[in-house]
Amino acid sequence: MRRARIALVGIPVIYFAVFAGLALQQRAMIYPRHARLVTPVQAGLSDVETLRLRTEDGETLEAWHRAPKDARFPLILYFQGNAGPLADRKKRFDKLTRHGYGLLATSWRGYGGSTGAPSEEGLMRDAEAAYAEALRRGFKPERIVVMGESLGTGVATMLAARHGAAALVLDSPYDSVLAVAQSRFPIFPVSLVLQDTFRADEAIGKVRAPVLMLVGEEDRITPAANARRLFERAGEPKQLIALPGVSHLALSSPGALEKTMEWIDAAATASPARDPAQ
């Protein structure tokens, strides 16, 4: 009897202790920051320059830039996921720029070369600073392709909902971090404590640019079911490329980037951006 009473008391204590730990460590889990700074030259991208962008709230961001080959090619405004430095995207950056696209990729605040600490509000400020830099360099919205991976897909979607763009490309997207967290921790009321929800599902319907989503059917980080729910909410024109047997970061799978570039070439040329206010 005594053991039963101890168990009845102990189980709730353990439950609330674990829940409290998750609540306290949530940002460390969402943003496993890597402050390591790798330059484009060290990454093997000798034709990419480093920029220093200033955000509205005074943070300084490391950004990589390369101009397009010529006026036919758009600028890829690239938003990374939550792990690793920009150098980890070296292969895809190299293919994109070799094809002729321009590149402007931003290291999130608190990540390699950037000041500050990450949060949803902070990452959106970082994205706004990158978009403003693209405009400052003379790129009109219809020449800007917004591209995001993993966590960055939520930022990319919310930015494209606010501003014009030639196209929106999402690698391993999710409908919201809230939905992903709820599916991962179903026994806890995460909605009560989650600080950064990244509601891409509420923003995607406001995007007035063509949308491409690449989804790995075996993705356990941003599950395919979440991506499909986001896709259902997107307006036309839109395309979903589902890749059987592929896990997270679907764009890294064989042939996926080539298909994406073909899609961008068609979308950025044939479908100029529409004003989000329309």
C-alpha atoms as a PDB file:
ATOM      1  CA  MET A   1       0.000   0.000   0.000  1.00  0.00           C
ATOM      2  CA  ARG A   2       2.802   2.356   0.955  1.00  0.00           C
ATOM      3  CA  ARG A   3       4.565   1.639  -2.325  1.00  0.00           C
ATOM      4  CA  ALA A   4       1.383   2.378  -4.253  1.00  0.00           C
ATOM      5  CA  ARG A   5       1.046   5.736  -2.495  1.00  0.00           C
ATOM      6  CA  ILE A   6       4.668   6.569  -3.277  1.00  0.00           C
ATOM      7  CA  ALA A   7       4.099   5.669  -6.914  1.00  0.00           C
ATOM      8  CA  LEU A   8       0.970   7.819  -7.059  1.00  0.00           C
ATOM      9  CA  VAL A   9       2.933  10.762  -5.736  1.00  0.00           C
ATOM     10  CA  GLY A  10       6.118  10.034  -7.686  1.00  0.00           C
ATOM     11  CA  ILE A  11       4.624   9.733 -11.160  1.00  0.00           C
ATOM     12  CA  PRO A  12       3.112  13.255 -11.193  1.00  0.00           C
ATOM     13  CA  VAL A  13       6.331  14.676  -9.754  1.00  0.00           C
ATOM     14  CA  ILE A  14       8.380  13.071 -12.521  1.00  0.00           C
ATOM     15  CA  TYR A  15       5.860  14.190 -15.144  1.00  0.00           C
ATOM     16  CA  PHE A  16       5.964  17.836 -14.069  1.00  0.00           C
ATOM     17  CA  ALA A  17       9.751  17.746 -13.654  1.00  0.00           C
ATOM     18  CA  VAL A  18      10.214  16.504 -17.218  1.00  0.00           C
ATOM     19  CA  PHE A  19       7.702  19.023 -18.539  1.00  0.00           C
ATOM     20  CA  ALA A  20       9.433  21.846 -16.672  1.00  0.00           C
ATOM     21  CA  GLY A  21      12.772  20.725 -18.091  1.00  0.00           C
ATOM     22  CA  LEU A  22      11.394  20.780 -21.619  1.00  0.00           C
ATOM     23  CA  ALA A  23       9.940  24.234 -21.061  1.00  0.00           C
ATOM     24  CA  LEU A  24      13.218  25.607 -19.709  1.00  0.00           C
ATOM     25  CA  GLN A  25      15.351  24.032 -22.428  1.00  0.00           C
ATOM     26  CA  GLN A  26      13.019  24.631 -25.377  1.00  0.00           C
ATOM     27  CA  ARG A  27      15.158  27.200 -27.147  1.00  0.00           C
ATOM     28  CA  ALA A  28      18.290  25.136 -26.676  1.00  0.00           C
ATOM     29  CA  MET A  29      16.416  22.279 -28.372  1.00  0.00           C
ATOM     30  CA  ILE A  30      15.022  24.399 -31.218  1.00  0.00           C
ATOM     31  CA  TYR A  31      18.292  26.261 -31.803  1.00  0.00           C
ATOM     32  CA  PRO A  32      21.291  23.970 -31.213  1.00  0.00           C
ATOM     33  CA  ARG A  33      23.576  26.861 -32.064  1.00  0.00           C
ATOM     34  CA  HIS A  34      26.972  26.508 -33.690  1.00  0.00           C
ATOM     35  CA  ALA A  35      29.066  29.630 -33.180  1.00  0.00           C
ATOM     36  CA  ARG A  36      31.879  28.216 -35.320  1.00  0.00           C
ATOM     37  CA  LEU A  37      32.727  30.647 -38.114  1.00  0.00           C
ATOM     38  CA  VAL A  38      33.801  29.226 -41.471  1.00  0.00           C
ATOM     39  CA  THR A  39      34.550  31.642 -44.299  1.00  0.00           C
ATOM     40  CA  PRO A  40      33.428  31.011 -47.889  1.00  0.00           C
ATOM     41  CA  VAL A  41      37.068  30.508 -48.918  1.00  0.00           C
ATOM     42  CA  GLN A  42      37.570  27.921 -46.158  1.00  0.00           C
ATOM     43  CA  ALA A  43      34.402  26.201 -47.390  1.00  0.00           C
ATOM     44  CA  GLY A  44      35.736  26.072 -50.938  1.00  0.00           C
ATOM     45  CA  LEU A  45      33.567  28.873 -52.332  1.00  0.00           C
ATOM     46  CA  SER A  46      36.221  31.353 -53.425  1.00  0.00           C
ATOM     47  CA  ASP A  47      33.804  33.391 -55.558  1.00  0.00           C
ATOM     48  CA  VAL A  48      31.417  34.078 -52.652  1.00  0.00           C
ATOM     49  CA  GLU A  49      31.915  37.235 -50.582  1.00  0.00           C
ATOM     50  CA  THR A  50      31.114  37.870 -46.927  1.00  0.00           C
ATOM     51  CA  LEU A  51      28.713  40.658 -45.977  1.00  0.00           C
ATOM     52  CA  ARG A  52      27.818  42.131 -42.605  1.00  0.00           C
ATOM     53  CA  LEU A  53      24.106  42.913 -42.315  1.00  0.00           C
ATOM     54  CA  ARG A  54      22.576  45.080 -39.606  1.00  0.00           C
ATOM     55  CA  THR A  55      19.163  44.136 -38.222  1.00  0.00           C
ATOM     56  CA  GLU A  56      16.455  46.495 -37.060  1.00  0.00           C
ATOM     57  CA  ASP A  57      17.231  45.686 -33.429  1.00  0.00           C
ATOM     58  CA  GLY A  58      20.966  46.248 -33.766  1.00  0.00           C
ATOM     59  CA  GLU A  59      22.384  42.753 -34.308  1.00  0.00           C
ATOM     60  CA  THR A  60      25.102  42.080 -36.898  1.00  0.00           C
ATOM     61  CA  LEU A  61      24.727  39.085 -39.201  1.00  0.00           C
ATOM     62  CA  GLU A  62      27.220  37.104 -41.224  1.00  0.00           C
ATOM     63  CA  ALA A  63      25.928  36.687 -44.773  1.00  0.00           C
ATOM     64  CA  TRP A  64      27.324  35.099 -47.923  1.00  0.00           C
ATOM     65  CA  HIS A  65      26.721  36.720 -51.274  1.00  0.00           C
ATOM     66  CA  ARG A  66      27.389  36.094 -54.914  1.00  0.00           C
ATOM     67  CA  ALA A  67      25.889  38.107 -57.758  1.00  0.00           C
ATOM     68  CA  PRO A  68      23.922  36.275 -60.471  1.00  0.00           C
ATOM     69  CA  LYS A  69      25.754  35.285 -63.640  1.00  0.00           C
ATOM     70  CA  ASP A  70      23.665  37.801 -65.575  1.00  0.00           C
ATOM     71  CA  ALA A  71      20.274  39.513 -65.550  1.00  0.00           C
ATOM     72  CA  ARG A  72      18.461  36.342 -66.612  1.00  0.00           C
ATOM     73  CA  PHE A  73      19.035  34.706 -63.243  1.00  0.00           C
ATOM     74  CA  PRO A  74      17.276  35.563 -59.955  1.00  0.00           C
ATOM     75  CA  LEU A  75      18.804  35.947 -56.530  1.00  0.00           C
ATOM     76  CA  ILE A  76      18.321  33.016 -54.158  1.00  0.00           C
ATOM     77  CA  LEU A  77      17.537  34.454 -50.716  1.00  0.00           C
ATOM     78  CA  TYR A  78      18.492  31.446 -48.605  1.00  0.00           C
ATOM     79  CA  PHE A  79      17.471  30.711 -45.010  1.00  0.00           C
ATOM     80  CA  GLN A  80      19.283  27.872 -43.262  1.00  0.00           C
ATOM     81  CA  GLY A  81      17.950  25.320 -40.825  1.00  0.00           C
ATOM     82  CA  ASN A  82      18.696  25.251 -37.124  1.00  0.00           C
ATOM     83  CA  ALA A  83      21.977  23.339 -37.180  1.00  0.00           C
ATOM     84  CA  GLY A  84      25.502  23.997 -38.352  1.00  0.00           C
ATOM     85  CA  PRO A  85      27.229  26.916 -40.085  1.00  0.00           C
ATOM     86  CA  LEU A  86      26.527  28.142 -43.604  1.00  0.00           C
ATOM     87  CA  ALA A  87      29.521  26.075 -44.748  1.00  0.00           C
ATOM     88  CA  ASP A  88      27.466  22.901 -44.228  1.00  0.00           C
ATOM     89  CA  ARG A  89      25.404  24.010 -47.267  1.00  0.00           C
ATOM     90  CA  LYS A  90      28.503  24.310 -49.447  1.00  0.00           C
ATOM     91  CA  LYS A  91      27.461  21.713 -52.029  1.00  0.00           C
ATOM     92  CA  ARG A  92      24.032  23.178 -52.694  1.00  0.00           C
ATOM     93  CA  PHE A  93      25.379  26.745 -52.709  1.00  0.00           C
ATOM     94  CA  ASP A  94      28.032  25.701 -55.215  1.00  0.00           C
ATOM     95  CA  LYS A  95      25.467  24.072 -57.541  1.00  0.00           C
ATOM     96  CA  LEU A  96      23.083  27.024 -57.316  1.00  0.00           C
ATOM     97  CA  THR A  97      25.739  29.606 -58.118  1.00  0.00           C
ATOM     98  CA  ARG A  98      27.364  27.496 -60.847  1.00  0.00           C
ATOM     99  CA  HIS A  99      23.960  27.309 -62.518  1.00  0.00           C
ATOM    100  CA  GLY A 100      23.965  31.105 -62.624  1.00  0.00           C
ATOM    101  CA  TYR A 101      21.776  32.146 -59.693  1.00  0.00           C
ATOM    102  CA  GLY A 102      22.794  34.856 -57.298  1.00  0.00           C
ATOM    103  CA  LEU A 103      22.996  33.932 -53.615  1.00  0.00           C
ATOM    104  CA  LEU A 104      22.373  35.739 -50.366  1.00  0.00           C
ATOM    105  CA  ALA A 105      22.488  33.349 -47.400  1.00  0.00           C
ATOM    106  CA  THR A 106      22.265  34.578 -43.827  1.00  0.00           C
ATOM    107  CA  SER A 107      23.709  33.028 -40.685  1.00  0.00           C
ATOM    108  CA  TRP A 108      21.052  33.318 -37.970  1.00  0.00           C
ATOM    109  CA  ARG A 109      21.716  35.504 -34.957  1.00  0.00           C
ATOM    110  CA  GLY A 110      23.789  33.589 -32.440  1.00  0.00           C
ATOM    111  CA  TYR A 111      25.153  31.297 -35.150  1.00  0.00           C
ATOM    112  CA  GLY A 112      28.578  31.476 -36.806  1.00  0.00           C
ATOM    113  CA  GLY A 113      29.705  35.079 -37.218  1.00  0.00           C
ATOM    114  CA  SER A 114      26.391  36.630 -36.092  1.00  0.00           C
ATOM    115  CA  THR A 115      25.637  38.391 -32.830  1.00  0.00           C
ATOM    116  CA  GLY A 116      22.608  37.943 -30.581  1.00  0.00           C
ATOM    117  CA  ALA A 117      20.500  34.989 -29.486  1.00  0.00           C
ATOM    118  CA  PRO A 118      17.923  33.212 -31.678  1.00  0.00           C
ATOM    119  CA  SER A 119      14.156  33.394 -31.256  1.00  0.00           C
ATOM    120  CA  GLU A 120      11.236  33.445 -33.667  1.00  0.00           C
ATOM    121  CA  GLU A 121      11.020  37.224 -33.520  1.00  0.00           C
ATOM    122  CA  GLY A 122      14.779  37.507 -33.929  1.00  0.00           C
ATOM    123  CA  LEU A 123      14.944  35.199 -36.932  1.00  0.00           C
ATOM    124  CA  MET A 124      12.189  37.161 -38.622  1.00  0.00           C
ATOM    125  CA  ARG A 125      14.203  40.354 -38.075  1.00  0.00           C
ATOM    126  CA  ASP A 126      17.189  38.578 -39.628  1.00  0.00           C
ATOM    127  CA  ALA A 127      15.089  37.603 -42.646  1.00  0.00           C
ATOM    128  CA  GLU A 128      13.811  41.158 -43.039  1.00  0.00           C
ATOM    129  CA  ALA A 129      17.408  42.440 -42.975  1.00  0.00           C
ATOM    130  CA  ALA A 130      18.358  39.983 -45.720  1.00  0.00           C
ATOM    131  CA  TYR A 131      15.364  40.948 -47.864  1.00  0.00           C
ATOM    132  CA  ALA A 132      16.171  44.640 -47.388  1.00  0.00           C
ATOM    133  CA  GLU A 133      19.764  43.970 -48.476  1.00  0.00           C
ATOM    134  CA  ALA A 134      18.526  42.271 -51.627  1.00  0.00           C
ATOM    135  CA  LEU A 135      16.375  45.285 -52.459  1.00  0.00           C
ATOM    136  CA  ARG A 136      19.274  47.636 -51.678  1.00  0.00           C
ATOM    137  CA  ARG A 137      21.392  45.757 -54.197  1.00  0.00           C
ATOM    138  CA  GLY A 138      18.833  46.448 -56.889  1.00  0.00           C
ATOM    139  CA  PHE A 139      16.871  43.193 -56.946  1.00  0.00           C
ATOM    140  CA  LYS A 140      13.165  43.722 -57.497  1.00  0.00           C
ATOM    141  CA  PRO A 141      10.775  41.293 -55.774  1.00  0.00           C
ATOM    142  CA  GLU A 142      10.147  39.470 -59.057  1.00  0.00           C
ATOM    143  CA  ARG A 143      13.885  38.629 -59.202  1.00  0.00           C
ATOM    144  CA  ILE A 144      14.072  37.234 -55.640  1.00  0.00           C
ATOM    145  CA  VAL A 145      13.506  33.524 -54.956  1.00  0.00           C
ATOM    146  CA  VAL A 146      12.976  32.858 -51.251  1.00  0.00           C
ATOM    147  CA  MET A 147      14.357  29.460 -50.236  1.00  0.00           C
ATOM    148  CA  GLY A 148      14.365  27.837 -46.813  1.00  0.00           C
ATOM    149  CA  GLU A 149      15.405  24.528 -45.311  1.00  0.00           C
ATOM    150  CA  SER A 150      13.946  22.831 -42.237  1.00  0.00           C
ATOM    151  CA  LEU A 151      13.452  25.486 -39.513  1.00  0.00           C
ATOM    152  CA  GLY A 152      14.181  28.138 -42.129  1.00  0.00           C
ATOM    153  CA  THR A 153      11.121  27.111 -44.159  1.00  0.00           C
ATOM    154  CA  GLY A 154       8.856  28.690 -41.569  1.00  0.00           C
ATOM    155  CA  VAL A 155      10.836  31.931 -41.722  1.00  0.00           C
ATOM    156  CA  ALA A 156      10.880  31.834 -45.531  1.00  0.00           C
ATOM    157  CA  THR A 157       7.121  31.278 -45.681  1.00  0.00           C
ATOM    158  CA  MET A 158       6.314  34.094 -43.274  1.00  0.00           C
ATOM    159  CA  LEU A 159       8.659  36.459 -45.134  1.00  0.00           C
ATOM    160  CA  ALA A 160       7.109  35.575 -48.512  1.00  0.00           C
ATOM    161  CA  ALA A 161       3.674  36.225 -46.995  1.00  0.00           C
ATOM    162  CA  ARG A 162       4.768  39.770 -46.160  1.00  0.00           C
ATOM    163  CA  HIS A 163       6.659  40.638 -49.341  1.00  0.00           C
ATOM    164  CA  GLY A 164       6.632  39.956 -53.037  1.00  0.00           C
ATOM    165  CA  ALA A 165       8.855  37.221 -54.467  1.00  0.00           C
ATOM    166  CA  ALA A 166       9.384  35.374 -57.718  1.00  0.00           C
ATOM    167  CA  ALA A 167       9.006  31.998 -56.015  1.00  0.00           C
ATOM    168  CA  LEU A 168       9.093  30.210 -52.660  1.00  0.00           C
ATOM    169  CA  VAL A 169      11.093  26.969 -52.341  1.00  0.00           C
ATOM    170  CA  LEU A 170      10.819  24.897 -49.148  1.00  0.00           C
ATOM    171  CA  ASP A 171      13.102  21.970 -48.338  1.00  0.00           C
ATOM    172  CA  SER A 172      11.617  19.707 -45.636  1.00  0.00           C
ATOM    173  CA  PRO A 173       8.928  22.144 -44.453  1.00  0.00           C
ATOM    174  CA  TYR A 174       6.499  21.911 -41.539  1.00  0.00           C
ATOM    175  CA  ASP A 175       3.105  23.444 -40.839  1.00  0.00           C
ATOM    176  CA  SER A 176       4.226  24.856 -37.478  1.00  0.00           C
ATOM    177  CA  VAL A 177       6.833  24.143 -34.832  1.00  0.00           C
ATOM    178  CA  LEU A 178       3.881  23.915 -32.443  1.00  0.00           C
ATOM    179  CA  ALA A 179       2.389  21.010 -34.427  1.00  0.00           C
ATOM    180  CA  VAL A 180       5.758  19.251 -34.661  1.00  0.00           C
ATOM    181  CA  ALA A 181       6.307  19.648 -30.912  1.00  0.00           C
ATOM    182  CA  GLN A 182       2.822  18.376 -30.121  1.00  0.00           C
ATOM    183  CA  SER A 183       3.402  15.243 -32.213  1.00  0.00           C
ATOM    184  CA  ARG A 184       6.808  14.677 -30.634  1.00  0.00           C
ATOM    185  CA  PHE A 185       5.657  15.215 -27.033  1.00  0.00           C
ATOM    186  CA  PRO A 186       1.990  14.203 -27.110  1.00  0.00           C
ATOM    187  CA  ILE A 187       1.666  13.695 -23.349  1.00  0.00           C
ATOM    188  CA  PHE A 188       2.585  17.307 -22.550  1.00  0.00           C
ATOM    189  CA  PRO A 189       0.520  20.494 -23.101  1.00  0.00           C
ATOM    190  CA  VAL A 190       3.316  22.139 -25.088  1.00  0.00           C
ATOM    191  CA  SER A 191       1.020  24.875 -26.387  1.00  0.00           C
ATOM    192  CA  LEU A 192       0.975  26.361 -22.889  1.00  0.00           C
ATOM    193  CA  VAL A 193       4.726  26.993 -22.767  1.00  0.00           C
ATOM    194  CA  LEU A 194       6.073  27.030 -26.334  1.00  0.00           C
ATOM    195  CA  GLN A 195       7.589  30.444 -27.026  1.00  0.00           C
ATOM    196  CA  ASP A 196       8.406  30.117 -30.732  1.00  0.00           C
ATOM    197  CA  THR A 197       5.611  28.503 -32.724  1.00  0.00           C
ATOM    198  CA  PHE A 198       6.558  29.445 -36.329  1.00  0.00           C
ATOM    199  CA  ARG A 199       3.002  29.262 -37.692  1.00  0.00           C
ATOM    200  CA  ALA A 200       3.830  28.721 -41.353  1.00  0.00           C
ATOM    201  CA  ASP A 201       0.344  27.255 -41.747  1.00  0.00           C
ATOM    202  CA  GLU A 202      -1.185  30.650 -40.969  1.00  0.00           C
ATOM    203  CA  ALA A 203       1.127  32.447 -43.411  1.00  0.00           C
ATOM    204  CA  ILE A 204       1.235  30.174 -46.468  1.00  0.00           C
ATOM    205  CA  GLY A 205      -2.200  31.234 -47.737  1.00  0.00           C
ATOM    206  CA  LYS A 206      -0.948  34.833 -47.987  1.00  0.00           C
ATOM    207  CA  VAL A 207       1.954  33.902 -50.263  1.00  0.00           C
ATOM    208  CA  ARG A 208       1.286  35.137 -53.796  1.00  0.00           C
ATOM    209  CA  ALA A 209       4.306  33.520 -55.444  1.00  0.00           C
ATOM    210  CA  PRO A 210       4.576  30.012 -56.932  1.00  0.00           C
ATOM    211  CA  VAL A 211       5.454  27.470 -54.236  1.00  0.00           C
ATOM    212  CA  LEU A 212       7.629  24.350 -54.449  1.00  0.00           C
ATOM    213  CA  MET A 213       7.951  21.937 -51.524  1.00  0.00           C
ATOM    214  CA  LEU A 214      10.400  19.035 -51.319  1.00  0.00           C
ATOM    215  CA  VAL A 215       9.491  16.361 -48.792  1.00  0.00           C
ATOM    216  CA  GLY A 216      11.284  13.214 -47.679  1.00  0.00           C
ATOM    217  CA  GLU A 217       8.752  10.467 -46.992  1.00  0.00           C
ATOM    218  CA  GLU A 218      10.956   9.083 -44.190  1.00  0.00           C
ATOM    219  CA  ASP A 219      11.588  12.442 -42.519  1.00  0.00           C
ATOM    220  CA  ARG A 220      11.385  12.087 -38.740  1.00  0.00           C
ATOM    221  CA  ILE A 221      12.395  15.682 -37.923  1.00  0.00           C
ATOM    222  CA  THR A 222       9.776  17.560 -39.939  1.00  0.00           C
ATOM    223  CA  PRO A 223       7.391  14.714 -40.818  1.00  0.00           C
ATOM    224  CA  ALA A 224       5.896  14.436 -44.289  1.00  0.00           C
ATOM    225  CA  ALA A 225       2.385  14.604 -42.809  1.00  0.00           C
ATOM    226  CA  ASN A 226       3.103  18.085 -41.445  1.00  0.00           C
ATOM    227  CA  ALA A 227       4.499  19.201 -44.804  1.00  0.00           C
ATOM    228  CA  ARG A 228       1.427  17.931 -46.626  1.00  0.00           C
ATOM    229  CA  ARG A 229      -0.856  19.881 -44.319  1.00  0.00           C
ATOM    230  CA  LEU A 230       1.129  22.998 -45.188  1.00  0.00           C
ATOM    231  CA  PHE A 231       0.911  22.193 -48.889  1.00  0.00           C
ATOM    232  CA  GLU A 232      -2.874  21.870 -48.705  1.00  0.00           C
ATOM    233  CA  ARG A 233      -3.087  25.430 -47.386  1.00  0.00           C
ATOM    234  CA  ALA A 234      -0.887  26.917 -50.124  1.00  0.00           C
ATOM    235  CA  GLY A 235      -2.426  28.716 -53.052  1.00  0.00           C
ATOM    236  CA  GLU A 236      -1.808  27.911 -56.700  1.00  0.00           C
ATOM    237  CA  PRO A 237       0.509  27.545 -58.493  1.00  0.00           C
ATOM    238  CA  LYS A 238       2.185  25.000 -56.256  1.00  0.00           C
ATOM    239  CA  GLN A 239       4.053  21.720 -56.569  1.00  0.00           C
ATOM    240  CA  LEU A 240       5.013  19.019 -54.079  1.00  0.00           C
ATOM    241  CA  ILE A 241       7.957  16.717 -54.780  1.00  0.00           C
ATOM    242  CA  ALA A 242       7.682  13.733 -52.433  1.00  0.00           C
ATOM    243  CA  LEU A 243      10.774  11.528 -52.292  1.00  0.00           C
ATOM    244  CA  PRO A 244      10.278   7.905 -51.125  1.00  0.00           C
ATOM    245  CA  GLY A 245      12.953   6.559 -48.811  1.00  0.00           C
ATOM    246  CA  VAL A 246      14.413  10.031 -48.202  1.00  0.00           C
ATOM    247  CA  SER A 247      14.743  11.520 -44.741  1.00  0.00           C
ATOM    248  CA  HIS A 248      15.423  15.107 -43.661  1.00  0.00           C
ATOM    249  CA  LEU A 249      16.775  17.781 -46.032  1.00  0.00           C
ATOM    250  CA  ALA A 250      15.251  16.286 -49.137  1.00  0.00           C
ATOM    251  CA  LEU A 251      17.035  18.745 -51.404  1.00  0.00           C
ATOM    252  CA  SER A 252      20.286  16.856 -50.765  1.00  0.00           C
ATOM    253  CA  SER A 253      18.935  13.637 -52.325  1.00  0.00           C
ATOM    254  CA  PRO A 254      20.193  12.715 -55.827  1.00  0.00           C
ATOM    255  CA  GLY A 255      18.574  14.767 -58.575  1.00  0.00           C
ATOM    256  CA  ALA A 256      16.421  16.884 -56.239  1.00  0.00           C
ATOM    257  CA  LEU A 257      18.410  20.092 -56.649  1.00  0.00           C
ATOM    258  CA  GLU A 258      18.449  19.697 -60.429  1.00  0.00           C
ATOM    259  CA  LYS A 259      14.638  19.350 -60.470  1.00  0.00           C
ATOM    260  CA  THR A 260      14.395  22.383 -58.212  1.00  0.00           C
ATOM    261  CA  MET A 261      16.541  24.506 -60.516  1.00  0.00           C
ATOM    262  CA  GLU A 262      14.412  23.513 -63.496  1.00  0.00           C
ATOM    263  CA  TRP A 263      11.326  24.578 -61.549  1.00  0.00           C
ATOM    264  CA  ILE A 264      12.916  27.884 -60.505  1.00  0.00           C
ATOM    265  CA  ASP A 265      13.952  28.634 -64.085  1.00  0.00           C
ATOM    266  CA  ALA A 266      10.339  28.228 -65.183  1.00  0.00           C
ATOM    267  CA  ALA A 267       8.704  29.938 -62.209  1.00  0.00           C
ATOM    268  CA  ALA A 268      11.000  32.948 -61.956  1.00  0.00           C
ATOM    269  CA  THR A 269      10.650  33.645 -65.663  1.00  0.00           C
ATOM    270  CA  ALA A 270       7.002  32.868 -66.283  1.00  0.00           C
ATOM    271  CA  SER A 271       5.387  33.976 -63.009  1.00  0.00           C
ATOM    272  CA  PRO A 272       6.359  37.445 -61.805  1.00  0.00           C
ATOM    273  CA  ALA A 273       5.635  38.170 -58.157  1.00  0.00           C
ATOM    274  CA  ARG A 274       2.221  39.390 -57.140  1.00  0.00           C
ATOM    275  CA  ASP A 275       1.628  41.994 -54.473  1.00  0.00           C
ATOM    276  CA  PRO A 276       0.683  40.213 -51.175  1.00  0.00           C
ATOM    277  CA  ALA A 277      -1.880  42.969 -50.576  1.00  0.00           C
ATOM    278  CA  GLN A 278      -3.880  41.971 -53.638  1.00  0.00           C
END
